[in-house]
Amino acid sequence: VGMFLAALTGKRGLRSDSTGIEKVIYWLYLSGGILSTVAL
C-alpha cells in the first residue's frame, strides 16, 4: 500500500518529519518493516 501510494502521489515517504500523505507513506513503510522483521 505504501509503494502504491508513493507511486500515485509522487511522494517517497522517506522522512520522519514529513507531513500529509508523505507522512502516511513513511508510517506504512516503517510499520511494515517492523512487522516483517518480527514475522521473519
Full PDB file with SEQRES, HELIX, SHEET, SSBOND, CRYST1, ORIGX, SCALE, CONECT and MASTER records, all heavy atoms in Angstrom:
SEQRES   1 A   40  VAL GLY MET PHE LEU ALA ALA LEU THR GLY LYS ARG GLY          
SEQRES   2 A   40  LEU ARG SER ASP SER THR GLY ILE GLU LYS VAL ILE TYR          
SEQRES   3 A   40  TRP LEU TYR LEU SER GLY GLY ILE LEU SER THR VAL ALA          
SEQRES   4 A   40  LEU                                                          
HELIX    1 AA1 GLY A    2  THR A    9  1                                   8    
HELIX    2 AA2 GLY A   20  ALA A   39  1                                  20    
CRYST1    1.000    1.000    1.000  90.00  90.00  90.00 P 1           1          
ORIGX1      1.000000  0.000000  0.000000        0.00000                         
ORIGX2      0.000000  1.000000  0.000000        0.00000                         
ORIGX3      0.000000  0.000000  1.000000        0.00000                         
SCALE1      1.000000  0.000000  0.000000        0.00000                         
SCALE2      0.000000  1.000000  0.000000        0.00000                         
SCALE3      0.000000  0.000000  1.000000        0.00000                         
ATOM      1  N   VAL A   1       0.849  -1.204   0.000  1.00  0.00           N  
ATOM      2  CA  VAL A   1       0.000   0.000   0.000  1.00  0.00           C  
ATOM      3  C   VAL A   1       0.882   1.249   0.000  1.00  0.00           C  
ATOM      4  O   VAL A   1       0.607   2.207  -0.727  1.00  0.00           O  
ATOM      5  CB  VAL A   1      -0.972  -0.002   1.200  1.00  0.00           C  
ATOM      6  CG1 VAL A   1      -1.642   1.352   1.375  1.00  0.00           C  
ATOM      7  CG2 VAL A   1      -2.017  -1.093   1.031  1.00  0.00           C  
ATOM      8  N   GLY A   2       1.955   1.231   0.786  1.00  0.00           N  
ATOM      9  CA  GLY A   2       2.885   2.358   0.795  1.00  0.00           C  
ATOM     10  C   GLY A   2       3.504   2.594  -0.573  1.00  0.00           C  
ATOM     11  O   GLY A   2       3.581   3.731  -1.047  1.00  0.00           O  
ATOM     12  N   MET A   3       3.929   1.522  -1.234  1.00  0.00           N  
ATOM     13  CA  MET A   3       4.511   1.649  -2.578  1.00  0.00           C  
ATOM     14  C   MET A   3       3.498   2.217  -3.560  1.00  0.00           C  
ATOM     15  O   MET A   3       3.828   3.072  -4.389  1.00  0.00           O  
ATOM     16  CB  MET A   3       5.014   0.291  -3.076  1.00  0.00           C  
ATOM     17  CG  MET A   3       6.240  -0.216  -2.394  1.00  0.00           C  
ATOM     18  SD  MET A   3       6.872  -1.733  -3.147  1.00  0.00           S  
ATOM     19  CE  MET A   3       5.936  -2.965  -2.267  1.00  0.00           C  
ATOM     20  N   PHE A   4       2.260   1.717  -3.474  1.00  0.00           N  
ATOM     21  CA  PHE A   4       1.207   2.165  -4.386  1.00  0.00           C  
ATOM     22  C   PHE A   4       0.894   3.650  -4.172  1.00  0.00           C  
ATOM     23  O   PHE A   4       0.794   4.418  -5.129  1.00  0.00           O  
ATOM     24  CB  PHE A   4      -0.045   1.305  -4.189  1.00  0.00           C  
ATOM     25  CG  PHE A   4      -0.848   1.120  -5.432  1.00  0.00           C  
ATOM     26  CD1 PHE A   4      -0.586   0.069  -6.285  1.00  0.00           C  
ATOM     27  CD2 PHE A   4      -1.872   1.991  -5.755  1.00  0.00           C  
ATOM     28  CE1 PHE A   4      -1.322  -0.107  -7.448  1.00  0.00           C  
ATOM     29  CE2 PHE A   4      -2.618   1.837  -6.908  1.00  0.00           C  
ATOM     30  CZ  PHE A   4      -2.339   0.776  -7.754  1.00  0.00           C  
ATOM     31  N   LEU A   5       0.774   4.062  -2.894  1.00  0.00           N  
ATOM     32  CA  LEU A   5       0.518   5.483  -2.602  1.00  0.00           C  
ATOM     33  C   LEU A   5       1.684   6.366  -3.052  1.00  0.00           C  
ATOM     34  O   LEU A   5       1.474   7.463  -3.566  1.00  0.00           O  
ATOM     35  CB  LEU A   5       0.271   5.685  -1.112  1.00  0.00           C  
ATOM     36  CG  LEU A   5      -1.106   5.334  -0.582  1.00  0.00           C  
ATOM     37  CD1 LEU A   5      -1.156   5.477   0.927  1.00  0.00           C  
ATOM     38  CD2 LEU A   5      -2.177   6.194  -1.233  1.00  0.00           C  
ATOM     39  N   ALA A   6       2.898   5.878  -2.860  1.00  0.00           N  
ATOM     40  CA  ALA A   6       4.069   6.633  -3.296  1.00  0.00           C  
ATOM     41  C   ALA A   6       4.057   6.827  -4.809  1.00  0.00           C  
ATOM     42  O   ALA A   6       4.352   7.918  -5.312  1.00  0.00           O  
ATOM     43  CB  ALA A   6       5.351   5.930  -2.851  1.00  0.00           C  
ATOM     44  N   ALA A   7       3.694   5.787  -5.534  1.00  0.00           N  
ATOM     45  CA  ALA A   7       3.645   5.891  -6.988  1.00  0.00           C  
ATOM     46  C   ALA A   7       2.510   6.806  -7.446  1.00  0.00           C  
ATOM     47  O   ALA A   7       2.673   7.592  -8.384  1.00  0.00           O  
ATOM     48  CB  ALA A   7       3.490   4.504  -7.604  1.00  0.00           C  
ATOM     49  N   LEU A   8       1.361   6.714  -6.783  1.00  0.00           N  
ATOM     50  CA  LEU A   8       0.221   7.562  -7.153  1.00  0.00           C  
ATOM     51  C   LEU A   8       0.490   9.045  -6.906  1.00  0.00           C  
ATOM     52  O   LEU A   8       0.080   9.895  -7.697  1.00  0.00           O  
ATOM     53  CB  LEU A   8      -1.026   7.151  -6.366  1.00  0.00           C  
ATOM     54  CG  LEU A   8      -1.791   5.943  -6.844  1.00  0.00           C  
ATOM     55  CD1 LEU A   8      -2.876   5.581  -5.841  1.00  0.00           C  
ATOM     56  CD2 LEU A   8      -2.394   6.186  -8.213  1.00  0.00           C  
ATOM     57  N   THR A   9       1.151   9.344  -5.786  1.00  0.00           N  
ATOM     58  CA  THR A   9       1.311  10.742  -5.375  1.00  0.00           C  
ATOM     59  C   THR A   9       2.649  11.355  -5.772  1.00  0.00           C  
ATOM     60  O   THR A   9       2.797  12.574  -5.734  1.00  0.00           O  
ATOM     61  CB  THR A   9       1.181  10.868  -3.846  1.00  0.00           C  
ATOM     62  OG1 THR A   9       2.240  10.134  -3.221  1.00  0.00           O  
ATOM     63  CG2 THR A   9      -0.168  10.368  -3.376  1.00  0.00           C  
ATOM     64  N   GLY A  10       3.618  10.525  -6.100  1.00  0.00           N  
ATOM     65  CA  GLY A  10       4.948  11.037  -6.396  1.00  0.00           C  
ATOM     66  C   GLY A  10       5.759  11.351  -5.145  1.00  0.00           C  
ATOM     67  O   GLY A  10       6.851  11.898  -5.224  1.00  0.00           O  
ATOM     68  N   LYS A  11       5.241  11.006  -3.983  1.00  0.00           N  
ATOM     69  CA  LYS A  11       5.948  11.209  -2.711  1.00  0.00           C  
ATOM     70  C   LYS A  11       6.686   9.923  -2.363  1.00  0.00           C  
ATOM     71  O   LYS A  11       6.247   8.840  -2.690  1.00  0.00           O  
ATOM     72  CB  LYS A  11       4.976  11.566  -1.581  1.00  0.00           C  
ATOM     73  CG  LYS A  11       4.092  12.749  -1.870  1.00  0.00           C  
ATOM     74  CD  LYS A  11       4.901  14.015  -1.935  1.00  0.00           C  
ATOM     75  CE  LYS A  11       3.971  15.211  -2.153  1.00  0.00           C  
ATOM     76  NZ  LYS A  11       4.706  16.428  -2.379  1.00  0.00           N  
ATOM     77  N   ARG A  12       7.810  10.059  -1.639  1.00  0.00           N  
ATOM     78  CA  ARG A  12       8.604   8.876  -1.333  1.00  0.00           C  
ATOM     79  C   ARG A  12       8.409   8.368   0.082  1.00  0.00           C  
ATOM     80  O   ARG A  12       8.620   7.198   0.357  1.00  0.00           O  
ATOM     81  CB  ARG A  12      10.076   9.172  -1.599  1.00  0.00           C  
ATOM     82  CG  ARG A  12      10.280   9.461  -3.085  1.00  0.00           C  
ATOM     83  CD  ARG A  12      11.701   9.649  -3.459  1.00  0.00           C  
ATOM     84  NE  ARG A  12      12.432   8.395  -3.232  1.00  0.00           N  
ATOM     85  CZ  ARG A  12      13.740   8.333  -3.180  1.00  0.00           C  
ATOM     86  NH1 ARG A  12      14.462   9.411  -3.334  1.00  0.00           N  
ATOM     87  NH2 ARG A  12      14.343   7.194  -2.981  1.00  0.00           N  
ATOM     88  N   GLY A  13       8.035   9.222   1.006  1.00  0.00           N  
ATOM     89  CA  GLY A  13       7.789   8.790   2.376  1.00  0.00           C  
ATOM     90  C   GLY A  13       9.032   8.343   3.113  1.00  0.00           C  
ATOM     91  O   GLY A  13       8.986   7.403   3.894  1.00  0.00           O  
ATOM     92  N   LEU A  14      10.137   9.010   2.879  1.00  0.00           N  
ATOM     93  CA  LEU A  14      11.402   8.575   3.469  1.00  0.00           C  
ATOM     94  C   LEU A  14      11.831   9.369   4.691  1.00  0.00           C  
ATOM     95  O   LEU A  14      12.829   9.037   5.319  1.00  0.00           O  
ATOM     96  CB  LEU A  14      12.512   8.633   2.414  1.00  0.00           C  
ATOM     97  CG  LEU A  14      12.291   7.761   1.179  1.00  0.00           C  
ATOM     98  CD1 LEU A  14      13.421   7.948   0.192  1.00  0.00           C  
ATOM     99  CD2 LEU A  14      12.143   6.307   1.569  1.00  0.00           C  
ATOM    100  N   ARG A  15      11.083  10.405   5.058  1.00  0.00           N  
ATOM    101  CA  ARG A  15      11.499  11.264   6.179  1.00  0.00           C  
ATOM    102  C   ARG A  15      10.457  11.241   7.289  1.00  0.00           C  
ATOM    103  O   ARG A  15       9.261  11.388   7.042  1.00  0.00           O  
ATOM    104  CB  ARG A  15      11.702  12.686   5.694  1.00  0.00           C  
ATOM    105  CG  ARG A  15      12.829  12.819   4.680  1.00  0.00           C  
ATOM    106  CD  ARG A  15      12.914  14.222   4.164  1.00  0.00           C  
ATOM    107  NE  ARG A  15      12.802  15.165   5.269  1.00  0.00           N  
ATOM    108  CZ  ARG A  15      13.554  16.233   5.409  1.00  0.00           C  
ATOM    109  NH1 ARG A  15      14.458  16.507   4.514  1.00  0.00           N  
ATOM    110  NH2 ARG A  15      13.389  17.038   6.429  1.00  0.00           N  
ATOM    111  N   SER A  16      10.922  11.109   8.511  1.00  0.00           N  
ATOM    112  CA  SER A  16      10.003  11.062   9.650  1.00  0.00           C  
ATOM    113  C   SER A  16       9.374  12.426   9.936  1.00  0.00           C  
ATOM    114  O   SER A  16       8.317  12.501  10.547  1.00  0.00           O  
ATOM    115  CB  SER A  16      10.734  10.560  10.894  1.00  0.00           C  
ATOM    116  OG  SER A  16      11.774  11.447  11.242  1.00  0.00           O  
ATOM    117  N   ASP A  17      10.012  13.496   9.481  1.00  0.00           N  
ATOM    118  CA  ASP A  17       9.470  14.833   9.740  1.00  0.00           C  
ATOM    119  C   ASP A  17       8.599  15.350   8.597  1.00  0.00           C  
ATOM    120  O   ASP A  17       8.289  16.532   8.539  1.00  0.00           O  
ATOM    121  CB  ASP A  17      10.609  15.819  10.032  1.00  0.00           C  
ATOM    122  CG  ASP A  17      11.570  15.976   8.859  1.00  0.00           C  
ATOM    123  OD1 ASP A  17      11.542  15.128   7.938  1.00  0.00           O  
ATOM    124  OD2 ASP A  17      12.366  16.934   8.876  1.00  0.00           O  
ATOM    125  N   SER A  18       8.207  14.473   7.700  1.00  0.00           N  
ATOM    126  CA  SER A  18       7.355  14.886   6.587  1.00  0.00           C  
ATOM    127  C   SER A  18       5.926  15.126   7.076  1.00  0.00           C  
ATOM    128  O   SER A  18       5.586  14.849   8.219  1.00  0.00           O  
ATOM    129  CB  SER A  18       7.385  13.813   5.494  1.00  0.00           C  
ATOM    130  OG  SER A  18       6.988  12.581   6.019  1.00  0.00           O  
ATOM    131  N   THR A  19       5.098  15.637   6.181  1.00  0.00           N  
ATOM    132  CA  THR A  19       3.699  15.923   6.528  1.00  0.00           C  
ATOM    133  C   THR A  19       2.773  15.315   5.478  1.00  0.00           C  
ATOM    134  O   THR A  19       3.211  14.924   4.404  1.00  0.00           O  
ATOM    135  CB  THR A  19       3.448  17.445   6.601  1.00  0.00           C  
ATOM    136  OG1 THR A  19       3.777  18.017   5.340  1.00  0.00           O  
ATOM    137  CG2 THR A  19       4.276  18.082   7.702  1.00  0.00           C  
ATOM    138  N   GLY A  20       1.496  15.289   5.798  1.00  0.00           N  
ATOM    139  CA  GLY A  20       0.475  14.861   4.850  1.00  0.00           C  
ATOM    140  C   GLY A  20       0.649  13.413   4.404  1.00  0.00           C  
ATOM    141  O   GLY A  20       1.002  12.533   5.181  1.00  0.00           O  
ATOM    142  N   ILE A  21       0.407  13.194   3.123  1.00  0.00           N  
ATOM    143  CA  ILE A  21       0.449  11.840   2.563  1.00  0.00           C  
ATOM    144  C   ILE A  21       1.849  11.251   2.654  1.00  0.00           C  
ATOM    145  O   ILE A  21       2.016  10.037   2.811  1.00  0.00           O  
ATOM    146  CB  ILE A  21      -0.086  11.817   1.106  1.00  0.00           C  
ATOM    147  CG1 ILE A  21      -0.315  10.378   0.630  1.00  0.00           C  
ATOM    148  CG2 ILE A  21       0.856  12.543   0.170  1.00  0.00           C  
ATOM    149  CD1 ILE A  21      -1.446   9.676   1.323  1.00  0.00           C  
ATOM    150  N   GLU A  22       2.855  12.107   2.599  1.00  0.00           N  
ATOM    151  CA  GLU A  22       4.223  11.608   2.716  1.00  0.00           C  
ATOM    152  C   GLU A  22       4.463  10.981   4.098  1.00  0.00           C  
ATOM    153  O   GLU A  22       5.148   9.974   4.226  1.00  0.00           O  
ATOM    154  CB  GLU A  22       5.233  12.714   2.438  1.00  0.00           C  
ATOM    155  CG  GLU A  22       6.621  12.183   2.226  1.00  0.00           C  
ATOM    156  CD  GLU A  22       7.480  13.085   1.371  1.00  0.00           C  
ATOM    157  OE1 GLU A  22       7.102  14.244   1.110  1.00  0.00           O  
ATOM    158  OE2 GLU A  22       8.545  12.612   0.963  1.00  0.00           O  
ATOM    159  N   LYS A  23       3.872  11.569   5.122  1.00  0.00           N  
ATOM    160  CA  LYS A  23       3.988  11.005   6.483  1.00  0.00           C  
ATOM    161  C   LYS A  23       3.239   9.669   6.561  1.00  0.00           C  
ATOM    162  O   LYS A  23       3.704   8.731   7.220  1.00  0.00           O  
ATOM    163  CB  LYS A  23       3.440  11.977   7.515  1.00  0.00           C  
ATOM    164  CG  LYS A  23       3.644  11.516   8.931  1.00  0.00           C  
ATOM    165  CD  LYS A  23       4.243  12.619   9.727  1.00  0.00           C  
ATOM    166  CE  LYS A  23       4.681  12.143  11.088  1.00  0.00           C  
ATOM    167  NZ  LYS A  23       5.849  12.840  11.524  1.00  0.00           N  
ATOM    168  N   VAL A  24       2.091   9.582   5.903  1.00  0.00           N  
ATOM    169  CA  VAL A  24       1.340   8.325   5.866  1.00  0.00           C  
ATOM    170  C   VAL A  24       2.184   7.235   5.214  1.00  0.00           C  
ATOM    171  O   VAL A  24       2.285   6.112   5.729  1.00  0.00           O  
ATOM    172  CB  VAL A  24       0.001   8.504   5.118  1.00  0.00           C  
ATOM    173  CG1 VAL A  24      -0.685   7.165   4.881  1.00  0.00           C  
ATOM    174  CG2 VAL A  24      -0.912   9.459   5.866  1.00  0.00           C  
ATOM    175  N   ILE A  25       2.806   7.559   4.096  1.00  0.00           N  
ATOM    176  CA  ILE A  25       3.653   6.595   3.390  1.00  0.00           C  
ATOM    177  C   ILE A  25       4.818   6.178   4.285  1.00  0.00           C  
ATOM    178  O   ILE A  25       5.155   4.993   4.384  1.00  0.00           O  
ATOM    179  CB  ILE A  25       4.146   7.179   2.052  1.00  0.00           C  
ATOM    180  CG1 ILE A  25       2.956   7.410   1.115  1.00  0.00           C  
ATOM    181  CG2 ILE A  25       5.171   6.259   1.399  1.00  0.00           C  
ATOM    182  CD1 ILE A  25       3.266   8.276  -0.092  1.00  0.00           C  
ATOM    183  N   TYR A  26       5.428   7.143   4.956  1.00  0.00           N  
ATOM    184  CA  TYR A  26       6.532   6.857   5.870  1.00  0.00           C  
ATOM    185  C   TYR A  26       6.095   5.846   6.937  1.00  0.00           C  
ATOM    186  O   TYR A  26       6.789   4.866   7.193  1.00  0.00           O  
ATOM    187  CB  TYR A  26       7.015   8.157   6.527  1.00  0.00           C  
ATOM    188  CG  TYR A  26       8.017   7.938   7.629  1.00  0.00           C  
ATOM    189  CD1 TYR A  26       9.361   7.754   7.334  1.00  0.00           C  
ATOM    190  CD2 TYR A  26       7.615   7.883   8.970  1.00  0.00           C  
ATOM    191  CE1 TYR A  26      10.288   7.538   8.346  1.00  0.00           C  
ATOM    192  CE2 TYR A  26       8.529   7.663   9.984  1.00  0.00           C  
ATOM    193  CZ  TYR A  26       9.864   7.490   9.672  1.00  0.00           C  
ATOM    194  OH  TYR A  26      10.772   7.266  10.667  1.00  0.00           O  
ATOM    195  N   TRP A  27       4.931   6.069   7.553  1.00  0.00           N  
ATOM    196  CA  TRP A  27       4.462   5.180   8.610  1.00  0.00           C  
ATOM    197  C   TRP A  27       4.047   3.817   8.073  1.00  0.00           C  
ATOM    198  O   TRP A  27       4.191   2.802   8.762  1.00  0.00           O  
ATOM    199  CB  TRP A  27       3.344   5.839   9.418  1.00  0.00           C  
ATOM    200  CG  TRP A  27       3.921   6.818  10.394  1.00  0.00           C  
ATOM    201  CD1 TRP A  27       3.911   8.174  10.300  1.00  0.00           C  
ATOM    202  CD2 TRP A  27       4.649   6.509  11.585  1.00  0.00           C  
ATOM    203  NE1 TRP A  27       4.593   8.726  11.368  1.00  0.00           N  
ATOM    204  CE2 TRP A  27       5.053   7.716  12.171  1.00  0.00           C  
ATOM    205  CE3 TRP A  27       5.005   5.316  12.219  1.00  0.00           C  
ATOM    206  CZ2 TRP A  27       5.788   7.774  13.361  1.00  0.00           C  
ATOM    207  CZ3 TRP A  27       5.741   5.378  13.397  1.00  0.00           C  
ATOM    208  CH2 TRP A  27       6.118   6.591  13.954  1.00  0.00           C  
ATOM    209  N   LEU A  28       3.534   3.764   6.851  1.00  0.00           N  
ATOM    210  CA  LEU A  28       3.243   2.467   6.239  1.00  0.00           C  
ATOM    211  C   LEU A  28       4.528   1.668   6.072  1.00  0.00           C  
ATOM    212  O   LEU A  28       4.585   0.476   6.409  1.00  0.00           O  
ATOM    213  CB  LEU A  28       2.547   2.654   4.883  1.00  0.00           C  
ATOM    214  CG  LEU A  28       1.094   3.109   4.931  1.00  0.00           C  
ATOM    215  CD1 LEU A  28       0.633   3.562   3.556  1.00  0.00           C  
ATOM    216  CD2 LEU A  28       0.205   1.998   5.465  1.00  0.00           C  
ATOM    217  N   TYR A  29       5.568   2.311   5.546  1.00  0.00           N  
ATOM    218  CA  TYR A  29       6.858   1.634   5.371  1.00  0.00           C  
ATOM    219  C   TYR A  29       7.463   1.226   6.712  1.00  0.00           C  
ATOM    220  O   TYR A  29       7.946   0.108   6.872  1.00  0.00           O  
ATOM    221  CB  TYR A  29       7.855   2.525   4.637  1.00  0.00           C  
ATOM    222  CG  TYR A  29       7.594   2.727   3.170  1.00  0.00           C  
ATOM    223  CD1 TYR A  29       8.084   3.842   2.521  1.00  0.00           C  
ATOM    224  CD2 TYR A  29       6.876   1.809   2.412  1.00  0.00           C  
ATOM    225  CE1 TYR A  29       7.878   4.043   1.168  1.00  0.00           C  
ATOM    226  CE2 TYR A  29       6.656   2.000   1.058  1.00  0.00           C  
ATOM    227  CZ  TYR A  29       7.165   3.120   0.435  1.00  0.00           C  
ATOM    228  OH  TYR A  29       6.961   3.301  -0.896  1.00  0.00           O  
ATOM    229  N   LEU A  30       7.450   2.133   7.675  1.00  0.00           N  
ATOM    230  CA  LEU A  30       8.062   1.843   8.976  1.00  0.00           C  
ATOM    231  C   LEU A  30       7.345   0.704   9.690  1.00  0.00           C  
ATOM    232  O   LEU A  30       7.973  -0.255  10.159  1.00  0.00           O  
ATOM    233  CB  LEU A  30       8.078   3.095   9.857  1.00  0.00           C  
ATOM    234  CG  LEU A  30       8.718   2.918  11.236  1.00  0.00           C  
ATOM    235  CD1 LEU A  30      10.198   2.591  11.105  1.00  0.00           C  
ATOM    236  CD2 LEU A  30       8.519   4.166  12.072  1.00  0.00           C  
ATOM    237  N   SER A  31       6.016   0.772   9.765  1.00  0.00           N  
ATOM    238  CA  SER A  31       5.279  -0.282  10.453  1.00  0.00           C  
ATOM    239  C   SER A  31       5.378  -1.605   9.692  1.00  0.00           C  
ATOM    240  O   SER A  31       5.494  -2.677  10.310  1.00  0.00           O  
ATOM    241  CB  SER A  31       3.825   0.121  10.692  1.00  0.00           C  
ATOM    242  OG  SER A  31       3.229   0.585   9.516  1.00  0.00           O  
ATOM    243  N   GLY A  32       5.370  -1.552   8.376  1.00  0.00           N  
ATOM    244  CA  GLY A  32       5.565  -2.768   7.585  1.00  0.00           C  
ATOM    245  C   GLY A  32       6.938  -3.370   7.813  1.00  0.00           C  
ATOM    246  O   GLY A  32       7.083  -4.596   7.932  1.00  0.00           O  
ATOM    247  N   GLY A  33       7.949  -2.524   7.895  1.00  0.00           N  
ATOM    248  CA  GLY A  33       9.298  -3.014   8.141  1.00  0.00           C  
ATOM    249  C   GLY A  33       9.457  -3.643   9.510  1.00  0.00           C  
ATOM    250  O   GLY A  33      10.088  -4.697   9.662  1.00  0.00           O  
ATOM    251  N   ILE A  34       8.871  -3.033  10.505  1.00  0.00           N  
ATOM    252  CA  ILE A  34       8.954  -3.580  11.870  1.00  0.00           C  
ATOM    253  C   ILE A  34       8.211  -4.919  11.942  1.00  0.00           C  
ATOM    254  O   ILE A  34       8.730  -5.908  12.463  1.00  0.00           O  
ATOM    255  CB  ILE A  34       8.392  -2.576  12.901  1.00  0.00           C  
ATOM    256  CG1 ILE A  34       9.335  -1.376  13.012  1.00  0.00           C  
ATOM    257  CG2 ILE A  34       8.191  -3.249  14.260  1.00  0.00           C  
ATOM    258  CD1 ILE A  34       8.758  -0.203  13.783  1.00  0.00           C  
ATOM    259  N   LEU A  35       6.994  -4.948  11.397  1.00  0.00           N  
ATOM    260  CA  LEU A  35       6.210  -6.196  11.439  1.00  0.00           C  
ATOM    261  C   LEU A  35       6.880  -7.314  10.648  1.00  0.00           C  
ATOM    262  O   LEU A  35       6.861  -8.474  11.064  1.00  0.00           O  
ATOM    263  CB  LEU A  35       4.810  -5.957  10.882  1.00  0.00           C  
ATOM    264  CG  LEU A  35       3.705  -5.694  11.876  1.00  0.00           C  
ATOM    265  CD1 LEU A  35       2.379  -5.475  11.157  1.00  0.00           C  
ATOM    266  CD2 LEU A  35       3.575  -6.790  12.892  1.00  0.00           C  
ATOM    267  N   SER A  36       7.477  -6.984   9.509  1.00  0.00           N  
ATOM    268  CA  SER A  36       8.139  -8.034   8.721  1.00  0.00           C  
ATOM    269  C   SER A  36       9.361  -8.568   9.457  1.00  0.00           C  
ATOM    270  O   SER A  36       9.661  -9.760   9.388  1.00  0.00           O  
ATOM    271  CB  SER A  36       8.516  -7.540   7.323  1.00  0.00           C  
ATOM    272  OG  SER A  36       9.504  -6.543   7.379  1.00  0.00           O  
ATOM    273  N   THR A  37      10.053  -7.702  10.194  1.00  0.00           N  
ATOM    274  CA  THR A  37      11.194  -8.162  10.989  1.00  0.00           C  
ATOM    275  C   THR A  37      10.721  -9.133  12.079  1.00  0.00           C  
ATOM    276  O   THR A  37      11.344 -10.177  12.308  1.00  0.00           O  
ATOM    277  CB  THR A  37      11.932  -6.961  11.619  1.00  0.00           C  
ATOM    278  OG1 THR A  37      12.355  -6.091  10.571  1.00  0.00           O  
ATOM    279  CG2 THR A  37      13.127  -7.417  12.430  1.00  0.00           C  
ATOM    280  N   VAL A  38       9.607  -8.801  12.730  1.00  0.00           N  
ATOM    281  CA  VAL A  38       9.036  -9.694  13.742  1.00  0.00           C  
ATOM    282  C   VAL A  38       8.641 -11.029  13.107  1.00  0.00           C  
ATOM    283  O   VAL A  38       8.985 -12.105  13.623  1.00  0.00           O  
ATOM    284  CB  VAL A  38       7.807  -9.035  14.421  1.00  0.00           C  
ATOM    285  CG1 VAL A  38       7.038 -10.031  15.267  1.00  0.00           C  
ATOM    286  CG2 VAL A  38       8.243  -7.836  15.249  1.00  0.00           C  
ATOM    287  N   ALA A  39       7.945 -10.973  11.992  1.00  0.00           N  
ATOM    288  CA  ALA A  39       7.480 -12.193  11.331  1.00  0.00           C  
ATOM    289  C   ALA A  39       8.649 -13.056  10.875  1.00  0.00           C  
ATOM    290  O   ALA A  39       8.658 -14.276  11.109  1.00  0.00           O  
ATOM    291  CB  ALA A  39       6.585 -11.834  10.140  1.00  0.00           C  
ATOM    292  N   LEU A  40       9.626 -12.451  10.244  1.00  0.00           N  
ATOM    293  CA  LEU A  40      10.751 -13.236   9.727  1.00  0.00           C  
ATOM    294  C   LEU A  40      11.628 -13.789  10.851  1.00  0.00           C  
ATOM    295  O   LEU A  40      12.207 -14.869  10.711  1.00  0.00           O  
ATOM    296  CB  LEU A  40      11.563 -12.406   8.739  1.00  0.00           C  
ATOM    297  CG  LEU A  40      10.797 -12.109   7.440  1.00  0.00           C  
ATOM    298  CD1 LEU A  40      11.571 -11.147   6.560  1.00  0.00           C  
ATOM    299  CD2 LEU A  40      10.480 -13.391   6.688  1.00  0.00           C  
TER     300      LEU A  40                                                      
MASTER        0    0    0    2    0    0    0    6  299    1    0    4          
END                                                                             
